[in-house]
Amino acid sequence: MARARVYITLKEGILDPQGKTVLRALKSLGYDEVEDLRIGKYMELELAGDDKKKLEERLGEMSEQLLANPIIENYRMEVDV
């Protein structure tokens, strides 16, 4: 069994209203050192199999088709076999 992680973030230039809301809230609480904030997604998956290359390929397909929106989001993956 393998454990995989997928990190999804908005591409540069894509507006992040949720991130801006959290940034404003932090600043209102006195955390003025925070200059910018972007919200992303983190997923952990357990995958059957031990062929790392094949699992990375399949996870890439999952990310492209469902987990991420490749038009507005970037993703990176880690697979530990």
C-alpha atoms as a PDB file:
ATOM      1  CA  MET A   1       0.000   0.000   0.000  1.00  0.00           C
ATOM      2  CA  ALA A   2       1.222   3.490  -0.836  1.00  0.00           C
ATOM      3  CA  ARG A   3       0.449   6.840   0.693  1.00  0.00           C
ATOM      4  CA  ALA A   4       0.051   9.843  -1.595  1.00  0.00           C
ATOM      5  CA  ARG A   5      -0.347  13.546  -0.990  1.00  0.00           C
ATOM      6  CA  VAL A   6      -1.710  16.132  -3.400  1.00  0.00           C
ATOM      7  CA  TYR A   7      -1.220  19.855  -2.853  1.00  0.00           C
ATOM      8  CA  ILE A   8      -3.457  22.154  -4.904  1.00  0.00           C
ATOM      9  CA  THR A   9      -2.995  25.919  -5.199  1.00  0.00           C
ATOM     10  CA  LEU A  10      -4.502  28.616  -7.356  1.00  0.00           C
ATOM     11  CA  LYS A  11      -2.395  29.709 -10.309  1.00  0.00           C
ATOM     12  CA  GLU A  12      -0.778  33.141 -10.224  1.00  0.00           C
ATOM     13  CA  GLY A  13      -3.174  35.834 -11.351  1.00  0.00           C
ATOM     14  CA  ILE A  14      -6.281  33.935 -10.234  1.00  0.00           C
ATOM     15  CA  LEU A  15      -8.239  35.903  -7.644  1.00  0.00           C
ATOM     16  CA  ASP A  16      -8.487  34.296  -4.211  1.00  0.00           C
ATOM     17  CA  PRO A  17     -11.357  35.977  -2.320  1.00  0.00           C
ATOM     18  CA  GLN A  18     -11.186  33.435   0.498  1.00  0.00           C
ATOM     19  CA  GLY A  19      -7.487  34.122   0.961  1.00  0.00           C
ATOM     20  CA  LYS A  20      -8.084  37.883   0.987  1.00  0.00           C
ATOM     21  CA  THR A  21     -10.816  37.464   3.627  1.00  0.00           C
ATOM     22  CA  VAL A  22      -8.511  35.453   5.883  1.00  0.00           C
ATOM     23  CA  LEU A  23      -5.694  37.970   5.311  1.00  0.00           C
ATOM     24  CA  ARG A  24      -7.947  40.842   6.378  1.00  0.00           C
ATOM     25  CA  ALA A  25      -9.058  38.888   9.454  1.00  0.00           C
ATOM     26  CA  LEU A  26      -5.455  38.188  10.475  1.00  0.00           C
ATOM     27  CA  LYS A  27      -4.550  41.854  10.068  1.00  0.00           C
ATOM     28  CA  SER A  28      -7.585  42.883  12.148  1.00  0.00           C
ATOM     29  CA  LEU A  29      -6.285  40.585  14.896  1.00  0.00           C
ATOM     30  CA  GLY A  30      -2.942  42.389  14.836  1.00  0.00           C
ATOM     31  CA  TYR A  31      -0.904  40.005  12.673  1.00  0.00           C
ATOM     32  CA  ASP A  32       0.489  42.775  10.495  1.00  0.00           C
ATOM     33  CA  GLU A  33       3.533  40.761   9.431  1.00  0.00           C
ATOM     34  CA  VAL A  34       1.347  38.674   7.095  1.00  0.00           C
ATOM     35  CA  GLU A  35       1.699  40.336   3.698  1.00  0.00           C
ATOM     36  CA  ASP A  36      -0.238  37.886   1.520  1.00  0.00           C
ATOM     37  CA  LEU A  37      -2.190  34.683   1.932  1.00  0.00           C
ATOM     38  CA  ARG A  38      -3.543  32.168  -0.563  1.00  0.00           C
ATOM     39  CA  ILE A  39      -5.885  29.308   0.284  1.00  0.00           C
ATOM     40  CA  GLY A  40      -5.225  25.862  -1.176  1.00  0.00           C
ATOM     41  CA  LYS A  41      -6.227  22.242  -0.726  1.00  0.00           C
ATOM     42  CA  TYR A  42      -4.360  19.271   0.691  1.00  0.00           C
ATOM     43  CA  MET A  43      -5.405  15.645   0.175  1.00  0.00           C
ATOM     44  CA  GLU A  44      -4.054  12.340   1.454  1.00  0.00           C
ATOM     45  CA  LEU A  45      -4.812   9.134  -0.399  1.00  0.00           C
ATOM     46  CA  GLU A  46      -3.981   5.504   0.286  1.00  0.00           C
ATOM     47  CA  LEU A  47      -3.347   3.645  -2.943  1.00  0.00           C
ATOM     48  CA  ALA A  48      -3.089  -0.073  -3.626  1.00  0.00           C
ATOM     49  CA  GLY A  49       0.089  -1.137  -5.381  1.00  0.00           C
ATOM     50  CA  ASP A  50       3.838  -0.767  -5.136  1.00  0.00           C
ATOM     51  CA  ASP A  51       4.850   0.480  -8.599  1.00  0.00           C
ATOM     52  CA  LYS A  52       5.685   4.112  -7.806  1.00  0.00           C
ATOM     53  CA  LYS A  53       5.843   5.222 -11.439  1.00  0.00           C
ATOM     54  CA  LYS A  54       2.440   3.688 -12.236  1.00  0.00           C
ATOM     55  CA  LEU A  55       0.884   5.160  -9.075  1.00  0.00           C
ATOM     56  CA  GLU A  56       2.257   8.617  -9.908  1.00  0.00           C
ATOM     57  CA  GLU A  57       0.817   8.317 -13.406  1.00  0.00           C
ATOM     58  CA  ARG A  58      -2.609   7.302 -12.060  1.00  0.00           C
ATOM     59  CA  LEU A  59      -2.554  10.036  -9.402  1.00  0.00           C
ATOM     60  CA  GLY A  60      -1.718  12.571 -12.107  1.00  0.00           C
ATOM     61  CA  GLU A  61      -4.757  11.385 -14.062  1.00  0.00           C
ATOM     62  CA  MET A  62      -6.949  11.685 -10.944  1.00  0.00           C
ATOM     63  CA  SER A  63      -5.628  15.173 -10.308  1.00  0.00           C
ATOM     64  CA  GLU A  64      -6.213  16.326 -13.878  1.00  0.00           C
ATOM     65  CA  GLN A  65      -9.704  14.825 -14.130  1.00  0.00           C
ATOM     66  CA  LEU A  66     -11.189  15.467 -10.695  1.00  0.00           C
ATOM     67  CA  LEU A  67      -8.998  16.584  -7.799  1.00  0.00           C
ATOM     68  CA  ALA A  68      -7.761  19.836  -9.358  1.00  0.00           C
ATOM     69  CA  ASN A  69      -9.075  22.233 -11.962  1.00  0.00           C
ATOM     70  CA  PRO A  70      -6.023  22.528 -14.246  1.00  0.00           C
ATOM     71  CA  ILE A  71      -7.386  25.708 -15.834  1.00  0.00           C
ATOM     72  CA  ILE A  72      -7.069  27.725 -12.614  1.00  0.00           C
ATOM     73  CA  GLU A  73      -5.087  25.466 -10.253  1.00  0.00           C
ATOM     74  CA  ASN A  74      -1.608  23.995 -10.006  1.00  0.00           C
ATOM     75  CA  TYR A  75      -0.977  20.737  -8.198  1.00  0.00           C
ATOM     76  CA  ARG A  76       1.971  18.739  -7.002  1.00  0.00           C
ATOM     77  CA  MET A  77       2.042  15.173  -5.796  1.00  0.00           C
ATOM     78  CA  GLU A  78       4.118  12.986  -3.517  1.00  0.00           C
ATOM     79  CA  VAL A  79       3.877   9.190  -3.513  1.00  0.00           C
ATOM     80  CA  ASP A  80       5.551   7.038  -0.863  1.00  0.00           C
ATOM     81  CA  VAL A  81       5.590   3.319  -1.599  1.00  0.00           C
END
